[in-house]
Amino acid sequence: NIEKDEFFIPRVIDRVVKEKKKKVRVYQTSAVWYG
């Protein structure tokens, strides 16, 4: 629905991973986010 739906980058990455096109290494931080 091009009036409302959003093209999110996490959805792109999720598909790349599930189609085994690329691996995504996850680094983790204990930092507190501010926004």
Full PDB file with SEQRES, HELIX, SHEET, SSBOND, CRYST1, ORIGX, SCALE, CONECT and MASTER records, all heavy atoms in Angstrom:
SEQRES   1 A   35  ASN ILE GLU LYS ASP GLU PHE PHE ILE PRO ARG VAL ILE          
SEQRES   2 A   35  ASP ARG VAL VAL LYS GLU LYS LYS LYS LYS VAL ARG VAL          
SEQRES   3 A   35  TYR GLN THR SER ALA VAL TRP TYR GLY                          
HELIX    1 AA1 ILE A    9  LYS A   18  1                                  10    
CRYST1    1.000    1.000    1.000  90.00  90.00  90.00 P 1           1          
ORIGX1      1.000000  0.000000  0.000000        0.00000                         
ORIGX2      0.000000  1.000000  0.000000        0.00000                         
ORIGX3      0.000000  0.000000  1.000000        0.00000                         
SCALE1      1.000000  0.000000  0.000000        0.00000                         
SCALE2      0.000000  1.000000  0.000000        0.00000                         
SCALE3      0.000000  0.000000  1.000000        0.00000                         
ATOM      1  N   ASN A   1       0.873  -1.166   0.000  1.00  0.00           N  
ATOM      2  CA  ASN A   1       0.000   0.000   0.000  1.00  0.00           C  
ATOM      3  C   ASN A   1       0.916   1.223   0.000  1.00  0.00           C  
ATOM      4  O   ASN A   1       1.450   1.620   1.046  1.00  0.00           O  
ATOM      5  CB  ASN A   1      -0.894  -0.008   1.245  1.00  0.00           C  
ATOM      6  CG  ASN A   1      -1.834   1.194   1.297  1.00  0.00           C  
ATOM      7  OD1 ASN A   1      -1.565   2.236   0.698  1.00  0.00           O  
ATOM      8  ND2 ASN A   1      -2.920   1.065   2.031  1.00  0.00           N  
ATOM      9  N   ILE A   2       1.131   1.798  -1.161  1.00  0.00           N  
ATOM     10  CA  ILE A   2       2.179   2.819  -1.273  1.00  0.00           C  
ATOM     11  C   ILE A   2       1.789   4.149  -0.644  1.00  0.00           C  
ATOM     12  O   ILE A   2       2.604   5.073  -0.574  1.00  0.00           O  
ATOM     13  CB  ILE A   2       2.627   3.032  -2.734  1.00  0.00           C  
ATOM     14  CG1 ILE A   2       1.451   3.515  -3.604  1.00  0.00           C  
ATOM     15  CG2 ILE A   2       3.237   1.762  -3.294  1.00  0.00           C  
ATOM     16  CD1 ILE A   2       1.888   3.960  -4.988  1.00  0.00           C  
ATOM     17  N   GLU A   3       0.546   4.268  -0.168  1.00  0.00           N  
ATOM     18  CA  GLU A   3       0.169   5.478   0.558  1.00  0.00           C  
ATOM     19  C   GLU A   3       0.577   5.410   2.022  1.00  0.00           C  
ATOM     20  O   GLU A   3       0.811   6.440   2.652  1.00  0.00           O  
ATOM     21  CB  GLU A   3      -1.333   5.706   0.465  1.00  0.00           C  
ATOM     22  CG  GLU A   3      -1.809   6.067  -0.932  1.00  0.00           C  
ATOM     23  CD  GLU A   3      -3.290   6.380  -0.966  1.00  0.00           C  
ATOM     24  OE1 GLU A   3      -3.938   6.314   0.107  1.00  0.00           O  
ATOM     25  OE2 GLU A   3      -3.802   6.697  -2.058  1.00  0.00           O  
ATOM     26  N   LYS A   4       0.692   4.181   2.585  1.00  0.00           N  
ATOM     27  CA  LYS A   4       0.917   4.057   4.027  1.00  0.00           C  
ATOM     28  C   LYS A   4       2.101   3.178   4.402  1.00  0.00           C  
ATOM     29  O   LYS A   4       2.773   3.447   5.405  1.00  0.00           O  
ATOM     30  CB  LYS A   4      -0.340   3.508   4.711  1.00  0.00           C  
ATOM     31  CG  LYS A   4      -1.562   4.388   4.608  1.00  0.00           C  
ATOM     32  CD  LYS A   4      -2.684   3.887   5.495  1.00  0.00           C  
ATOM     33  CE  LYS A   4      -3.134   2.487   5.098  1.00  0.00           C  
ATOM     34  NZ  LYS A   4      -4.297   2.023   5.912  1.00  0.00           N  
ATOM     35  N   ASP A   5       2.359   2.108   3.664  1.00  0.00           N  
ATOM     36  CA  ASP A   5       3.389   1.143   4.072  1.00  0.00           C  
ATOM     37  C   ASP A   5       4.776   1.770   4.026  1.00  0.00           C  
ATOM     38  O   ASP A   5       5.044   2.672   3.225  1.00  0.00           O  
ATOM     39  CB  ASP A   5       3.352  -0.088   3.172  1.00  0.00           C  
ATOM     40  CG  ASP A   5       2.099  -0.925   3.378  1.00  0.00           C  
ATOM     41  OD1 ASP A   5       1.361  -0.646   4.349  1.00  0.00           O  
ATOM     42  OD2 ASP A   5       1.862  -1.843   2.576  1.00  0.00           O  
ATOM     43  N   GLU A   6       5.670   1.260   4.891  1.00  0.00           N  
ATOM     44  CA  GLU A   6       7.040   1.767   4.933  1.00  0.00           C  
ATOM     45  C   GLU A   6       8.027   0.676   4.538  1.00  0.00           C  
ATOM     46  O   GLU A   6       7.839  -0.500   4.843  1.00  0.00           O  
ATOM     47  CB  GLU A   6       7.376   2.300   6.323  1.00  0.00           C  
ATOM     48  CG  GLU A   6       6.638   3.583   6.660  1.00  0.00           C  
ATOM     49  CD  GLU A   6       7.248   4.306   7.854  1.00  0.00           C  
ATOM     50  OE1 GLU A   6       8.422   4.701   7.790  1.00  0.00           O  
ATOM     51  OE2 GLU A   6       6.527   4.459   8.850  1.00  0.00           O  
ATOM     52  N   PHE A   7       9.071   1.097   3.882  1.00  0.00           N  
ATOM     53  CA  PHE A   7      10.135   0.214   3.412  1.00  0.00           C  
ATOM     54  C   PHE A   7      11.272   0.280   4.433  1.00  0.00           C  
ATOM     55  O   PHE A   7      12.168   1.106   4.342  1.00  0.00           O  
ATOM     56  CB  PHE A   7      10.589   0.676   2.021  1.00  0.00           C  
ATOM     57  CG  PHE A   7      11.617  -0.199   1.365  1.00  0.00           C  
ATOM     58  CD1 PHE A   7      11.386  -1.542   1.139  1.00  0.00           C  
ATOM     59  CD2 PHE A   7      12.820   0.350   0.945  1.00  0.00           C  
ATOM     60  CE1 PHE A   7      12.341  -2.341   0.516  1.00  0.00           C  
ATOM     61  CE2 PHE A   7      13.771  -0.422   0.312  1.00  0.00           C  
ATOM     62  CZ  PHE A   7      13.530  -1.773   0.101  1.00  0.00           C  
ATOM     63  N   PHE A   8      11.191  -0.595   5.440  1.00  0.00           N  
ATOM     64  CA  PHE A   8      12.134  -0.559   6.563  1.00  0.00           C  
ATOM     65  C   PHE A   8      13.419  -1.316   6.244  1.00  0.00           C  
ATOM     66  O   PHE A   8      13.376  -2.423   5.699  1.00  0.00           O  
ATOM     67  CB  PHE A   8      11.505  -1.184   7.813  1.00  0.00           C  
ATOM     68  CG  PHE A   8      10.389  -0.381   8.431  1.00  0.00           C  
ATOM     69  CD1 PHE A   8       9.120  -0.932   8.555  1.00  0.00           C  
ATOM     70  CD2 PHE A   8      10.611   0.901   8.901  1.00  0.00           C  
ATOM     71  CE1 PHE A   8       8.089  -0.211   9.141  1.00  0.00           C  
ATOM     72  CE2 PHE A   8       9.590   1.631   9.483  1.00  0.00           C  
ATOM     73  CZ  PHE A   8       8.331   1.080   9.606  1.00  0.00           C  
ATOM     74  N   ILE A   9      14.555  -0.765   6.652  1.00  0.00           N  
ATOM     75  CA  ILE A   9      15.828  -1.461   6.434  1.00  0.00           C  
ATOM     76  C   ILE A   9      15.901  -2.794   7.195  1.00  0.00           C  
ATOM     77  O   ILE A   9      16.456  -3.759   6.669  1.00  0.00           O  
ATOM     78  CB  ILE A   9      17.041  -0.538   6.766  1.00  0.00           C  
ATOM     79  CG1 ILE A   9      18.353  -1.210   6.370  1.00  0.00           C  
ATOM     80  CG2 ILE A   9      17.060  -0.130   8.219  1.00  0.00           C  
ATOM     81  CD1 ILE A   9      18.502  -1.520   4.901  1.00  0.00           C  
ATOM     82  N   PRO A  10      15.333  -2.931   8.415  1.00  0.00           N  
ATOM     83  CA  PRO A  10      15.402  -4.259   9.047  1.00  0.00           C  
ATOM     84  C   PRO A  10      14.742  -5.356   8.212  1.00  0.00           C  
ATOM     85  O   PRO A  10      15.215  -6.493   8.208  1.00  0.00           O  
ATOM     86  CB  PRO A  10      14.658  -4.049  10.377  1.00  0.00           C  
ATOM     87  CG  PRO A  10      14.845  -2.604  10.685  1.00  0.00           C  
ATOM     88  CD  PRO A  10      14.768  -1.928   9.339  1.00  0.00           C  
ATOM     89  N   ARG A  11      13.682  -5.025   7.491  1.00  0.00           N  
ATOM     90  CA  ARG A  11      13.032  -6.027   6.644  1.00  0.00           C  
ATOM     91  C   ARG A  11      13.940  -6.438   5.493  1.00  0.00           C  
ATOM     92  O   ARG A  11      13.970  -7.601   5.092  1.00  0.00           O  
ATOM     93  CB  ARG A  11      11.706  -5.481   6.107  1.00  0.00           C  
ATOM     94  CG  ARG A  11      10.648  -5.279   7.181  1.00  0.00           C  
ATOM     95  CD  ARG A  11       9.370  -4.719   6.604  1.00  0.00           C  
ATOM     96  NE  ARG A  11       8.404  -4.405   7.652  1.00  0.00           N  
ATOM     97  CZ  ARG A  11       7.253  -3.787   7.443  1.00  0.00           C  
ATOM     98  NH1 ARG A  11       6.921  -3.408   6.218  1.00  0.00           N  
ATOM     99  NH2 ARG A  11       6.423  -3.527   8.445  1.00  0.00           N  
ATOM    100  N   VAL A  12      14.674  -5.486   4.949  1.00  0.00           N  
ATOM    101  CA  VAL A  12      15.629  -5.792   3.878  1.00  0.00           C  
ATOM    102  C   VAL A  12      16.716  -6.721   4.396  1.00  0.00           C  
ATOM    103  O   VAL A  12      17.037  -7.744   3.774  1.00  0.00           O  
ATOM    104  CB  VAL A  12      16.243  -4.498   3.315  1.00  0.00           C  
ATOM    105  CG1 VAL A  12      17.312  -4.819   2.272  1.00  0.00           C  
ATOM    106  CG2 VAL A  12      15.162  -3.603   2.721  1.00  0.00           C  
ATOM    107  N   ILE A  13      17.281  -6.381   5.552  1.00  0.00           N  
ATOM    108  CA  ILE A  13      18.349  -7.196   6.131  1.00  0.00           C  
ATOM    109  C   ILE A  13      17.835  -8.583   6.493  1.00  0.00           C  
ATOM    110  O   ILE A  13      18.514  -9.601   6.262  1.00  0.00           O  
ATOM    111  CB  ILE A  13      18.927  -6.503   7.386  1.00  0.00           C  
ATOM    112  CG1 ILE A  13      19.513  -5.135   7.018  1.00  0.00           C  
ATOM    113  CG2 ILE A  13      19.978  -7.382   8.045  1.00  0.00           C  
ATOM    114  CD1 ILE A  13      20.657  -5.160   6.052  1.00  0.00           C  
ATOM    115  N   ASP A  14      16.630  -8.650   7.046  1.00  0.00           N  
ATOM    116  CA  ASP A  14      16.053  -9.942   7.425  1.00  0.00           C  
ATOM    117  C   ASP A  14      15.945 -10.855   6.210  1.00  0.00           C  
ATOM    118  O   ASP A  14      16.261 -12.048   6.273  1.00  0.00           O  
ATOM    119  CB  ASP A  14      14.681  -9.716   8.051  1.00  0.00           C  
ATOM    120  CG  ASP A  14      14.067 -10.998   8.586  1.00  0.00           C  
ATOM    121  OD1 ASP A  14      14.669 -11.612   9.481  1.00  0.00           O  
ATOM    122  OD2 ASP A  14      12.980 -11.383   8.113  1.00  0.00           O  
ATOM    123  N   ARG A  15      15.538 -10.307   5.104  1.00  0.00           N  
ATOM    124  CA  ARG A  15      15.410 -11.126   3.885  1.00  0.00           C  
ATOM    125  C   ARG A  15      16.775 -11.549   3.358  1.00  0.00           C  
ATOM    126  O   ARG A  15      16.950 -12.700   2.916  1.00  0.00           O  
ATOM    127  CB  ARG A  15      14.645 -10.337   2.824  1.00  0.00           C  
ATOM    128  CG  ARG A  15      14.394 -11.112   1.556  1.00  0.00           C  
ATOM    129  CD  ARG A  15      13.408 -10.391   0.684  1.00  0.00           C  
ATOM    130  NE  ARG A  15      13.542 -10.809  -0.710  1.00  0.00           N  
ATOM    131  CZ  ARG A  15      12.888 -10.247  -1.715  1.00  0.00           C  
ATOM    132  NH1 ARG A  15      12.055  -9.250  -1.477  1.00  0.00           N  
ATOM    133  NH2 ARG A  15      13.062 -10.667  -2.954  1.00  0.00           N  
ATOM    134  N   VAL A  16      17.748 -10.658   3.409  1.00  0.00           N  
ATOM    135  CA  VAL A  16      19.106 -10.997   2.986  1.00  0.00           C  
ATOM    136  C   VAL A  16      19.638 -12.181   3.801  1.00  0.00           C  
ATOM    137  O   VAL A  16      20.249 -13.105   3.258  1.00  0.00           O  
ATOM    138  CB  VAL A  16      20.034  -9.772   3.135  1.00  0.00           C  
ATOM    139  CG1 VAL A  16      21.500 -10.172   3.032  1.00  0.00           C  
ATOM    140  CG2 VAL A  16      19.697  -8.719   2.083  1.00  0.00           C  
ATOM    141  N   VAL A  17      19.392 -12.139   5.106  1.00  0.00           N  
ATOM    142  CA  VAL A  17      19.852 -13.210   5.983  1.00  0.00           C  
ATOM    143  C   VAL A  17      19.132 -14.519   5.666  1.00  0.00           C  
ATOM    144  O   VAL A  17      19.763 -15.581   5.526  1.00  0.00           O  
ATOM    145  CB  VAL A  17      19.633 -12.817   7.463  1.00  0.00           C  
ATOM    146  CG1 VAL A  17      19.830 -14.017   8.377  1.00  0.00           C  
ATOM    147  CG2 VAL A  17      20.581 -11.685   7.852  1.00  0.00           C  
ATOM    148  N   LYS A  18      17.825 -14.455   5.536  1.00  0.00           N  
ATOM    149  CA  LYS A  18      17.048 -15.686   5.340  1.00  0.00           C  
ATOM    150  C   LYS A  18      17.265 -16.296   3.967  1.00  0.00           C  
ATOM    151  O   LYS A  18      17.120 -17.513   3.790  1.00  0.00           O  
ATOM    152  CB  LYS A  18      15.567 -15.405   5.604  1.00  0.00           C  
ATOM    153  CG  LYS A  18      15.319 -15.207   7.096  1.00  0.00           C  
ATOM    154  CD  LYS A  18      13.898 -14.826   7.424  1.00  0.00           C  
ATOM    155  CE  LYS A  18      13.744 -14.708   8.936  1.00  0.00           C  
ATOM    156  NZ  LYS A  18      12.456 -14.120   9.326  1.00  0.00           N  
ATOM    157  N   GLU A  19      17.641 -15.481   2.997  1.00  0.00           N  
ATOM    158  CA  GLU A  19      17.978 -16.007   1.680  1.00  0.00           C  
ATOM    159  C   GLU A  19      19.455 -16.379   1.584  1.00  0.00           C  
ATOM    160  O   GLU A  19      19.930 -16.760   0.506  1.00  0.00           O  
ATOM    161  CB  GLU A  19      17.614 -14.987   0.600  1.00  0.00           C  
ATOM    162  CG  GLU A  19      16.107 -14.767   0.470  1.00  0.00           C  
ATOM    163  CD  GLU A  19      15.734 -13.746  -0.584  1.00  0.00           C  
ATOM    164  OE1 GLU A  19      16.647 -13.104  -1.156  1.00  0.00           O  
ATOM    165  OE2 GLU A  19      14.523 -13.574  -0.838  1.00  0.00           O  
ATOM    166  N   LYS A  20      20.165 -16.239   2.715  1.00  0.00           N  
ATOM    167  CA  LYS A  20      21.575 -16.622   2.835  1.00  0.00           C  
ATOM    168  C   LYS A  20      22.471 -15.892   1.823  1.00  0.00           C  
ATOM    169  O   LYS A  20      23.457 -16.433   1.335  1.00  0.00           O  
ATOM    170  CB  LYS A  20      21.738 -18.141   2.701  1.00  0.00           C  
ATOM    171  CG  LYS A  20      20.963 -18.927   3.756  1.00  0.00           C  
ATOM    172  CD  LYS A  20      21.283 -20.396   3.705  1.00  0.00           C  
ATOM    173  CE  LYS A  20      20.419 -21.189   4.686  1.00  0.00           C  
ATOM    174  NZ  LYS A  20      20.518 -20.704   6.077  1.00  0.00           N  
ATOM    175  N   LYS A  21      22.120 -14.647   1.544  1.00  0.00           N  
ATOM    176  CA  LYS A  21      22.945 -13.831   0.666  1.00  0.00           C  
ATOM    177  C   LYS A  21      24.115 -13.213   1.418  1.00  0.00           C  
ATOM    178  O   LYS A  21      25.154 -12.915   0.835  1.00  0.00           O  
ATOM    179  CB  LYS A  21      22.100 -12.740   0.016  1.00  0.00           C  
ATOM    180  CG  LYS A  21      21.051 -13.273  -0.955  1.00  0.00           C  
ATOM    181  CD  LYS A  21      20.244 -12.148  -1.565  1.00  0.00           C  
ATOM    182  CE  LYS A  21      19.252 -12.683  -2.587  1.00  0.00           C  
ATOM    183  NZ  LYS A  21      18.421 -11.607  -3.174  1.00  0.00           N  
ATOM    184  N   LYS A  22      23.914 -12.994   2.719  1.00  0.00           N  
ATOM    185  CA  LYS A  22      24.951 -12.363   3.530  1.00  0.00           C  
ATOM    186  C   LYS A  22      24.710 -12.710   4.996  1.00  0.00           C  
ATOM    187  O   LYS A  22      23.557 -12.783   5.434  1.00  0.00           O  
ATOM    188  CB  LYS A  22      24.891 -10.839   3.356  1.00  0.00           C  
ATOM    189  CG  LYS A  22      26.228 -10.129   3.462  1.00  0.00           C  
ATOM    190  CD  LYS A  22      26.973 -10.191   2.138  1.00  0.00           C  
ATOM    191  CE  LYS A  22      28.119  -9.195   2.113  1.00  0.00           C  
ATOM    192  NZ  LYS A  22      28.819  -9.205   0.818  1.00  0.00           N  
ATOM    193  N   LYS A  23      25.784 -12.888   5.748  1.00  0.00           N  
ATOM    194  CA  LYS A  23      25.665 -13.045   7.185  1.00  0.00           C  
ATOM    195  C   LYS A  23      25.776 -11.668   7.844  1.00  0.00           C  
ATOM    196  O   LYS A  23      26.465 -10.776   7.329  1.00  0.00           O  
ATOM    197  CB  LYS A  23      26.752 -13.978   7.707  1.00  0.00           C  
ATOM    198  CG  LYS A  23      26.650 -15.401   7.174  1.00  0.00           C  
ATOM    199  CD  LYS A  23      27.800 -16.254   7.638  1.00  0.00           C  
ATOM    200  CE  LYS A  23      27.668 -16.613   9.113  1.00  0.00           C  
ATOM    201  NZ  LYS A  23      28.735 -17.570   9.531  1.00  0.00           N  
ATOM    202  N   VAL A  24      25.095 -11.504   8.970  1.00  0.00           N  
ATOM    203  CA  VAL A  24      25.120 -10.235   9.702  1.00  0.00           C  
ATOM    204  C   VAL A  24      25.611 -10.502  11.117  1.00  0.00           C  
ATOM    205  O   VAL A  24      24.913 -11.099  11.936  1.00  0.00           O  
ATOM    206  CB  VAL A  24      23.730  -9.575   9.744  1.00  0.00           C  
ATOM    207  CG1 VAL A  24      23.787  -8.274  10.543  1.00  0.00           C  
ATOM    208  CG2 VAL A  24      23.208  -9.318   8.334  1.00  0.00           C  
ATOM    209  N   ARG A  25      26.832 -10.079  11.396  1.00  0.00           N  
ATOM    210  CA  ARG A  25      27.391 -10.239  12.735  1.00  0.00           C  
ATOM    211  C   ARG A  25      26.782  -9.191  13.662  1.00  0.00           C  
ATOM    212  O   ARG A  25      26.628  -8.033  13.275  1.00  0.00           O  
ATOM    213  CB  ARG A  25      28.915 -10.091  12.717  1.00  0.00           C  
ATOM    214  CG  ARG A  25      29.579 -10.342  14.071  1.00  0.00           C  
ATOM    215  CD  ARG A  25      31.076 -10.090  13.988  1.00  0.00           C  
ATOM    216  NE  ARG A  25      31.745 -11.019  13.108  1.00  0.00           N  
ATOM    217  CZ  ARG A  25      32.191 -12.216  13.492  1.00  0.00           C  
ATOM    218  NH1 ARG A  25      32.042 -12.619  14.742  1.00  0.00           N  
ATOM    219  NH2 ARG A  25      32.812 -13.005  12.618  1.00  0.00           N  
ATOM    220  N   VAL A  26      26.454  -9.606  14.872  1.00  0.00           N  
ATOM    221  CA  VAL A  26      25.840  -8.694  15.834  1.00  0.00           C  
ATOM    222  C   VAL A  26      26.828  -8.394  16.955  1.00  0.00           C  
ATOM    223  O   VAL A  26      27.257  -9.294  17.679  1.00  0.00           O  
ATOM    224  CB  VAL A  26      24.545  -9.281  16.422  1.00  0.00           C  
ATOM    225  CG1 VAL A  26      23.938  -8.315  17.441  1.00  0.00           C  
ATOM    226  CG2 VAL A  26      23.542  -9.579  15.316  1.00  0.00           C  
ATOM    227  N   TYR A  27      27.202  -7.138  17.053  1.00  0.00           N  
ATOM    228  CA  TYR A  27      27.996  -6.665  18.185  1.00  0.00           C  
ATOM    229  C   TYR A  27      27.027  -6.090  19.208  1.00  0.00           C  
ATOM    230  O   TYR A  27      26.018  -5.498  18.844  1.00  0.00           O  
ATOM    231  CB  TYR A  27      28.991  -5.597  17.728  1.00  0.00           C  
ATOM    232  CG  TYR A  27      29.976  -6.089  16.701  1.00  0.00           C  
ATOM    233  CD1 TYR A  27      29.729  -5.926  15.336  1.00  0.00           C  
ATOM    234  CD2 TYR A  27      31.146  -6.726  17.079  1.00  0.00           C  
ATOM    235  CE1 TYR A  27      30.621  -6.389  14.383  1.00  0.00           C  
ATOM    236  CE2 TYR A  27      32.057  -7.183  16.138  1.00  0.00           C  
ATOM    237  CZ  TYR A  27      31.785  -7.014  14.792  1.00  0.00           C  
ATOM    238  OH  TYR A  27      32.664  -7.476  13.854  1.00  0.00           O  
ATOM    239  N   GLN A  28      27.342  -6.257  20.470  1.00  0.00           N  
ATOM    240  CA  GLN A  28      26.422  -5.789  21.498  1.00  0.00           C  
ATOM    241  C   GLN A  28      27.097  -4.768  22.405  1.00  0.00           C  
ATOM    242  O   GLN A  28      28.300  -4.861  22.679  1.00  0.00           O  
ATOM    243  CB  GLN A  28      25.902  -6.963  22.329  1.00  0.00           C  
ATOM    244  CG  GLN A  28      25.079  -7.945  21.512  1.00  0.00           C  
ATOM    245  CD  GLN A  28      24.415  -9.004  22.355  1.00  0.00           C  
ATOM    246  OE1 GLN A  28      23.875  -8.722  23.424  1.00  0.00           O  
ATOM    247  NE2 GLN A  28      24.434 -10.244  21.883  1.00  0.00           N  
ATOM    248  N   THR A  29      26.326  -3.801  22.835  1.00  0.00           N  
ATOM    249  CA  THR A  29      26.829  -2.787  23.750  1.00  0.00           C  
ATOM    250  C   THR A  29      25.877  -2.642  24.926  1.00  0.00           C  
ATOM    251  O   THR A  29      24.662  -2.808  24.772  1.00  0.00           O  
ATOM    252  CB  THR A  29      26.989  -1.427  23.043  1.00  0.00           C  
ATOM    253  OG1 THR A  29      27.484  -0.455  23.974  1.00  0.00           O  
ATOM    254  CG2 THR A  29      25.677  -0.927  22.472  1.00  0.00           C  
ATOM    255  N   SER A  30      26.432  -2.346  26.079  1.00  0.00           N  
ATOM    256  CA  SER A  30      25.610  -2.092  27.270  1.00  0.00           C  
ATOM    257  C   SER A  30      25.319  -0.611  27.448  1.00  0.00           C  
ATOM    258  O   SER A  30      24.760  -0.198  28.458  1.00  0.00           O  
ATOM    259  CB  SER A  30      26.322  -2.635  28.524  1.00  0.00           C  
ATOM    260  OG  SER A  30      27.585  -2.005  28.682  1.00  0.00           O  
ATOM    261  N   ALA A  31      25.695   0.187  26.454  1.00  0.00           N  
ATOM    262  CA  ALA A  31      25.487   1.635  26.535  1.00  0.00           C  
ATOM    263  C   ALA A  31      24.008   1.964  26.642  1.00  0.00           C  
ATOM    264  O   ALA A  31      23.144   1.255  26.123  1.00  0.00           O  
ATOM    265  CB  ALA A  31      26.081   2.321  25.307  1.00  0.00           C  
ATOM    266  N   VAL A  32      23.713   3.057  27.318  1.00  0.00           N  
ATOM    267  CA  VAL A  32      22.347   3.560  27.416  1.00  0.00           C  
ATOM    268  C   VAL A  32      22.060   4.459  26.219  1.00  0.00           C  
ATOM    269  O   VAL A  32      22.846   5.357  25.910  1.00  0.00           O  
ATOM    270  CB  VAL A  32      22.137   4.342  28.730  1.00  0.00           C  
ATOM    271  CG1 VAL A  32      20.739   4.956  28.774  1.00  0.00           C  
ATOM    272  CG2 VAL A  32      22.353   3.434  29.930  1.00  0.00           C  
ATOM    273  N   TRP A  33      20.965   4.179  25.550  1.00  0.00           N  
ATOM    274  CA  TRP A  33      20.541   4.999  24.423  1.00  0.00           C  
ATOM    275  C   TRP A  33      19.884   6.277  24.929  1.00  0.00           C  
ATOM    276  O   TRP A  33      19.181   6.283  25.929  1.00  0.00           O  
ATOM    277  CB  TRP A  33      19.535   4.210  23.588  1.00  0.00           C  
ATOM    278  CG  TRP A  33      18.694   5.047  22.670  1.00  0.00           C  
ATOM    279  CD1 TRP A  33      18.997   5.443  21.402  1.00  0.00           C  
ATOM    280  CD2 TRP A  33      17.387   5.577  22.933  1.00  0.00           C  
ATOM    281  NE1 TRP A  33      17.968   6.179  20.858  1.00  0.00           N  
ATOM    282  CE2 TRP A  33      16.962   6.285  21.781  1.00  0.00           C  
ATOM    283  CE3 TRP A  33      16.523   5.522  24.032  1.00  0.00           C  
ATOM    284  CZ2 TRP A  33      15.733   6.923  21.699  1.00  0.00           C  
ATOM    285  CZ3 TRP A  33      15.296   6.164  23.954  1.00  0.00           C  
ATOM    286  CH2 TRP A  33      14.911   6.861  22.800  1.00  0.00           C  
ATOM    287  N   TYR A  34      20.155   7.351  24.198  1.00  0.00           N  
ATOM    288  CA  TYR A  34      19.410   8.591  24.398  1.00  0.00           C  
ATOM    289  C   TYR A  34      18.894   9.033  23.037  1.00  0.00           C  
ATOM    290  O   TYR A  34      19.604   8.927  22.032  1.00  0.00           O  
ATOM    291  CB  TYR A  34      20.300   9.688  24.994  1.00  0.00           C  
ATOM    292  CG  TYR A  34      20.844   9.347  26.347  1.00  0.00           C  
ATOM    293  CD1 TYR A  34      22.143   8.854  26.488  1.00  0.00           C  
ATOM    294  CD2 TYR A  34      20.075   9.499  27.498  1.00  0.00           C  
ATOM    295  CE1 TYR A  34      22.642   8.518  27.738  1.00  0.00           C  
ATOM    296  CE2 TYR A  34      20.569   9.165  28.751  1.00  0.00           C  
ATOM    297  CZ  TYR A  34      21.851   8.677  28.858  1.00  0.00           C  
ATOM    298  OH  TYR A  34      22.346   8.343  30.093  1.00  0.00           O  
ATOM    299  N   GLY A  35      17.667   9.495  23.001  1.00  0.00           N  
ATOM    300  CA  GLY A  35      17.114   9.928  21.731  1.00  0.00           C  
ATOM    301  C   GLY A  35      15.998  10.918  21.929  1.00  0.00           C  
ATOM    302  O   GLY A  35      15.529  11.146  23.050  1.00  0.00           O  
TER     303      GLY A  35                                                      
MASTER        0    0    0    1    0    0    0    6  302    1    0    3          
END                                                                             
